[in-house]
């Protein structure tokens, strides 16, 4: 496969310059750092969107090992025969990204499903482990997890510890009640006087807190509140405890569709790139720095892009607007200071 070899040479030359309405069962049914059932049905077939309770269209995709790619896996991973995929979806998950399916046990969503597709290209059995967001990174650091597929944004700060293979645009959004008249216009000053909730330890929290600091220097106030899980965030928004939630655009778009016929429907009040105002943010498979995984992961992702499975995966989850033309190793990310 000449295209694989030529792209591999290109990737080696790249440098660092280069969460939902609760679904049936919730994530409480899935213990932390425990294996969830895979969706690899038969040899050469991965079914995405299984048990998704309406969050995705179930789609069977043909995909098999590509030996010209799997040959470049680190020896330890190749010898193990499995790819341990970390997802930070505890305690309540965030459809359509990651959540426990309608069988009350299978971890499903766009993120773990893409991990399973990549594992198939690499000739490895996918082993999906569910964690809290914080413990997801602990798992990667300790080697208990090979790679995180969990809506992780590429940032320059994270590059100090991790290596990346990008696979989707990172767009953030503000979620408000449909009856709200407030909209975010891309200017942080628009947030003065507002109370906003955000996930702790996330990229969007970093951006929001920097805006809060800027407003404070101008004598203006932005109140940031935290809640233990997505269900609590949804309740805070519907009850008026907060004006808006700042989070991943796919999850906010999903909840707007799901809540349309409820007493408190929500809507998207404006988007923002996960890498700041001047750079398109990217979501990436995340491995420990110098693990040797980023390049074969990017190769596998590019194989899926070129052969159509990637597009069908995005379409199954209604995420086609966030597609990328190619996977990149360590692309530019959110700057150390988002000023």
Foldseek 3Di string as FASTA:
>chain_A
DVVLVVVLVVQVPDDLAAFADFDPQFQQLEDAFAWFDAQQDDAQWGWAPPLVRPLFATDIDGFAEDCVLLVQADPVQVVVQAAEEEEAAPPGGFPQAWIDGPVNTHIHHLQVSVVCLLCRHNRGHYTYGYHHPVVSVVCQQVVVHFKYRYQAWQAPVCLVWKKWKFWWWFKKFKKAWPPDPQADPQDLVSQFPFEEEEEPPGLQVVVNVLSQVVQVVVVTHYHYDYDDHDVVVVVCRQVVVGGIYMGTPLRRVHNQVVCVPPPTHMDTRDMAASQADPDTITGTIIHTPPNSPRSSSQSSSQVCLVVPVSCVSCNRSVNNVTGDNGIHMNHHGRYPRRD
